Amino acid sequence: MPTDGDVDGRRLRREQNREVVLDALVELFSEGVLQPSSGEIAERAGLSPRSLFRYFDDVDDLNRAAIARQQHQARPLLELAAEPGEPTEVKVEALVDGRLRLFDAIAPAARAARVTAHRRDVIASELAEARSFLRHQVARLFGPELAGRGDELLPALDVLCSFEAIELLRRDQKLSRPKARAALVSALTALLRDPGA
C-alpha cells in the first residue's frame, strides 16, 4: 500500500515532468517552431511521445498551459510607470516602454497563440481577454486626452500599442528596439496632440 510519502513523491515527479515539458515547448516557440509535433516536444523534453500525455490531455492542452505560464510570468510587466493625471509625454513614454518590455518577454508564446488561436477556442478566448485588458489600460491611462475624442482615437492607440504592430516594426521593418520605440512615441504623441493647442 502506497504511503503518503510515495504519493507526494509521485506528485512531485509529475509536476517536475510537466515543467520539463513546458520548458521544452517554450524553447521550441523561442526558436520559431510555433506548432511543434508531440514528437518534437517529447524529444526536447527527453521523454517518450506517449509519456507526454500522462501530463497533458492533448497537444492543445499543452499549448494552452505553456502560453498561460508565460502570461502568468509576464503579469508584473503589465504595470505602467505613469498615471492618468501625468503629462501626456510621460504617459506615452511609459506606455511604449512598458509594451516593449512586456512583448519582448512574451513574444514566443504570443506568436504561437496567434498562429493557433483560429483553431483553439480556449487560446482565442484568452487572446481576446488579453487584448481587452490592454485596450482598457490605454483607455484608462489616456482618459483625459480621450475625453470627447475616444471613439476615434482609442482604436488607433490600441492598434499602435498592440503586439502585432510592434512585431511589424521589429521583425518586418527590422527596426532596432530604440528606433521602434522612437516611431511609436512619435506616432502616439501626434495622435494625442490637443487639436485646440
Protein backbone atom coordinates (compact mmCIF):
# COMPACT_ATOMS: atom_id res chain seq x y z
CA MET A 1 0.00 0.00 0.00
CA PRO A 2 1.48 3.39 -1.01
CA THR A 3 2.40 5.72 1.81
CA ASP A 4 1.77 9.48 1.90
CA GLY A 5 5.46 9.91 1.06
CA ASP A 6 5.09 7.74 -2.06
CA VAL A 7 2.06 9.73 -3.20
CA ASP A 8 3.82 13.04 -2.54
CA GLY A 9 6.91 11.81 -4.41
CA ARG A 10 4.85 10.78 -7.43
CA ARG A 11 3.00 14.10 -7.38
CA LEU A 12 6.32 15.99 -7.23
CA ARG A 13 7.80 13.94 -10.11
CA ARG A 14 4.64 14.53 -12.14
CA GLU A 15 4.83 18.29 -11.55
CA GLN A 16 8.57 18.35 -12.37
CA ASN A 17 7.94 16.42 -15.61
CA ARG A 18 5.11 18.81 -16.54
CA GLU A 19 7.52 21.73 -16.07
CA VAL A 20 10.19 20.00 -18.20
CA VAL A 21 7.63 19.55 -21.00
CA LEU A 22 6.51 23.18 -20.73
CA ASP A 23 10.14 24.36 -20.79
CA ALA A 24 10.72 22.26 -23.92
CA LEU A 25 7.70 23.75 -25.67
CA VAL A 26 8.65 27.32 -24.75
CA GLU A 27 12.18 26.68 -26.07
CA LEU A 28 10.69 25.47 -29.36
CA PHE A 29 8.49 28.57 -29.52
CA SER A 30 11.60 30.70 -28.90
CA GLU A 31 13.33 29.01 -31.83
CA GLY A 32 10.40 29.83 -34.11
CA VAL A 33 8.79 26.38 -34.06
CA LEU A 34 5.28 27.63 -33.32
CA GLN A 35 3.37 24.40 -33.98
CA PRO A 36 5.71 21.61 -32.89
CA SER A 37 4.60 17.99 -33.07
CA SER A 38 4.25 15.88 -29.95
CA GLY A 39 7.37 14.00 -31.09
CA GLU A 40 9.42 17.21 -31.27
CA ILE A 41 8.22 18.30 -27.84
CA ALA A 42 8.88 14.89 -26.29
CA GLU A 43 12.36 14.68 -27.81
CA ARG A 44 13.26 18.13 -26.49
CA ALA A 45 11.91 17.20 -23.04
CA GLY A 46 13.77 13.88 -23.01
CA LEU A 47 10.57 11.86 -22.77
CA SER A 48 8.75 9.41 -24.99
CA PRO A 49 5.90 10.84 -27.06
CA ARG A 50 3.41 8.61 -25.22
CA SER A 51 4.53 9.85 -21.83
CA LEU A 52 3.71 13.46 -22.80
CA PHE A 53 0.05 12.65 -22.44
CA ARG A 54 0.43 11.47 -18.89
CA TYR A 55 0.86 15.15 -18.06
CA PHE A 56 -1.42 16.83 -20.62
CA ASP A 57 -4.72 15.81 -22.22
CA ASP A 58 -3.51 16.58 -25.74
CA VAL A 59 -1.28 18.98 -27.69
CA ASP A 60 -3.90 21.73 -27.36
CA ASP A 61 -3.84 21.39 -23.58
CA LEU A 62 -0.05 21.52 -23.63
CA ASN A 63 -0.01 24.65 -25.83
CA ARG A 64 -2.57 26.35 -23.62
CA ALA A 65 -0.56 25.53 -20.49
CA ALA A 66 2.69 26.89 -21.99
CA ILE A 67 1.04 30.11 -23.14
CA ALA A 68 -0.73 30.53 -19.79
CA ARG A 69 2.56 30.02 -17.93
CA GLN A 70 4.32 32.71 -19.97
CA GLN A 71 1.41 35.09 -19.48
CA HIS A 72 1.45 34.45 -15.73
CA GLN A 73 5.21 35.11 -15.57
CA ALA A 74 4.72 38.36 -17.50
CA ARG A 75 1.97 39.73 -15.21
CA PRO A 76 4.35 42.01 -13.26
CA LEU A 77 5.28 43.61 -16.61
CA LEU A 78 1.71 44.85 -17.09
CA GLU A 79 2.24 47.67 -14.59
CA LEU A 80 2.92 51.06 -16.17
CA ALA A 81 5.12 53.74 -14.63
CA ALA A 82 2.57 56.52 -15.17
CA GLU A 83 -0.88 57.61 -14.01
CA PRO A 84 -3.71 59.35 -15.92
CA GLY A 85 -3.03 62.76 -14.34
CA GLU A 86 0.58 62.95 -15.53
CA PRO A 87 1.71 64.88 -18.64
CA THR A 88 0.89 63.21 -21.95
CA GLU A 89 4.55 62.81 -22.97
CA VAL A 90 5.35 61.00 -19.71
CA LYS A 91 2.43 58.64 -20.23
CA VAL A 92 3.33 57.97 -23.88
CA GLU A 93 6.90 57.02 -22.96
CA ALA A 94 5.75 54.86 -20.04
CA LEU A 95 3.26 53.03 -22.23
CA VAL A 96 5.72 52.41 -25.06
CA ASP A 97 8.46 51.26 -22.68
CA GLY A 98 6.00 49.02 -20.86
CA ARG A 99 4.67 47.42 -24.01
CA LEU A 100 8.14 46.83 -25.46
CA ARG A 101 9.23 45.20 -22.20
CA LEU A 102 6.07 43.08 -21.99
CA PHE A 103 6.10 41.97 -25.61
CA ASP A 104 9.81 41.12 -25.53
CA ALA A 105 9.09 38.82 -22.59
CA ILE A 106 6.06 37.07 -24.09
CA ALA A 107 6.99 37.12 -27.79
CA PRO A 108 7.48 33.36 -28.33
CA ALA A 109 4.20 32.37 -26.67
CA ALA A 110 2.38 35.36 -28.18
CA ARG A 111 3.42 34.28 -31.68
CA ALA A 112 2.32 30.71 -31.00
CA ALA A 113 -1.03 31.91 -29.61
CA ARG A 114 -1.73 33.95 -32.73
CA VAL A 115 -0.83 31.06 -35.03
CA THR A 116 -3.08 28.58 -33.21
CA ALA A 117 -5.98 30.76 -31.96
CA HIS A 118 -8.08 30.21 -35.11
CA ARG A 119 -8.47 26.52 -34.25
CA ARG A 120 -8.25 26.54 -30.46
CA ASP A 121 -11.20 28.24 -28.80
CA VAL A 122 -9.57 28.40 -25.37
CA ILE A 123 -6.50 30.18 -26.76
CA ALA A 124 -8.66 32.51 -28.87
CA SER A 125 -10.65 33.41 -25.76
CA GLU A 126 -7.51 34.06 -23.69
CA LEU A 127 -6.08 36.19 -26.50
CA ALA A 128 -9.29 38.25 -26.72
CA GLU A 129 -9.23 38.72 -22.93
CA ALA A 130 -5.60 39.90 -23.00
CA ARG A 131 -6.30 42.32 -25.84
CA SER A 132 -9.30 43.71 -23.96
CA PHE A 133 -7.21 44.24 -20.82
CA LEU A 134 -4.50 46.10 -22.78
CA ARG A 135 -7.10 48.27 -24.58
CA HIS A 136 -8.72 49.23 -21.26
CA GLN A 137 -5.29 50.04 -19.87
CA VAL A 138 -4.76 52.53 -22.72
CA ALA A 139 -8.25 53.98 -22.23
CA ARG A 140 -7.63 54.49 -18.51
CA LEU A 141 -4.14 55.95 -18.92
CA PHE A 142 -5.19 58.45 -21.58
CA GLY A 143 -8.65 59.16 -20.20
CA PRO A 144 -8.07 62.94 -20.05
CA GLU A 145 -6.77 63.09 -23.62
CA LEU A 146 -9.54 60.84 -24.91
CA ALA A 147 -12.38 62.92 -23.41
CA GLY A 148 -14.69 63.70 -26.32
CA ARG A 149 -12.36 62.02 -28.82
CA GLY A 150 -12.21 58.43 -27.55
CA ASP A 151 -14.29 56.89 -30.32
CA GLU A 152 -11.82 58.00 -32.96
CA LEU A 153 -8.57 57.84 -31.00
CA LEU A 154 -8.79 54.76 -28.80
CA PRO A 155 -8.90 52.22 -31.65
CA ALA A 156 -5.83 53.81 -33.26
CA LEU A 157 -3.91 53.98 -29.97
CA ASP A 158 -4.82 50.36 -29.23
CA VAL A 159 -3.58 49.16 -32.63
CA LEU A 160 -0.33 51.12 -32.39
CA CYS A 161 0.40 49.60 -28.97
CA SER A 162 -0.50 46.04 -29.99
CA PHE A 163 1.81 43.06 -30.16
CA GLU A 164 1.11 42.81 -33.89
CA ALA A 165 2.15 46.43 -34.58
CA ILE A 166 5.35 46.05 -32.61
CA GLU A 167 6.10 42.76 -34.39
CA LEU A 168 5.75 44.56 -37.73
CA LEU A 169 8.13 47.31 -36.63
CA ARG A 170 10.71 44.92 -35.18
CA ARG A 171 10.54 41.89 -37.49
CA ASP A 172 9.08 43.08 -40.79
CA GLN A 173 10.60 46.57 -40.91
CA LYS A 174 13.67 45.37 -38.97
CA LEU A 175 13.78 48.40 -36.70
CA SER A 176 16.04 48.23 -33.69
CA ARG A 177 14.33 48.49 -30.33
CA PRO A 178 15.33 52.19 -29.94
CA LYS A 179 14.06 53.02 -33.45
CA ALA A 180 10.79 51.13 -32.88
CA ARG A 181 10.41 52.99 -29.58
CA ALA A 182 11.01 56.36 -31.27
CA ALA A 183 8.49 55.56 -34.03
CA LEU A 184 5.82 54.58 -31.50
CA VAL A 185 6.44 57.59 -29.26
CA SER A 186 6.25 59.91 -32.26
CA ALA A 187 3.04 58.35 -33.63
CA LEU A 188 1.26 58.26 -30.27
CA THR A 189 2.30 61.82 -29.45
CA ALA A 190 0.99 63.07 -32.81
CA LEU A 191 -2.34 61.29 -32.31
CA LEU A 192 -2.78 62.60 -28.77
CA ARG A 193 -1.85 66.19 -29.53
CA ASP A 194 -4.64 68.51 -28.44
CA PRO A 195 -6.26 69.75 -31.66
CA GLY A 196 -7.07 73.07 -29.97
CA ALA A 197 -3.47 73.70 -28.90
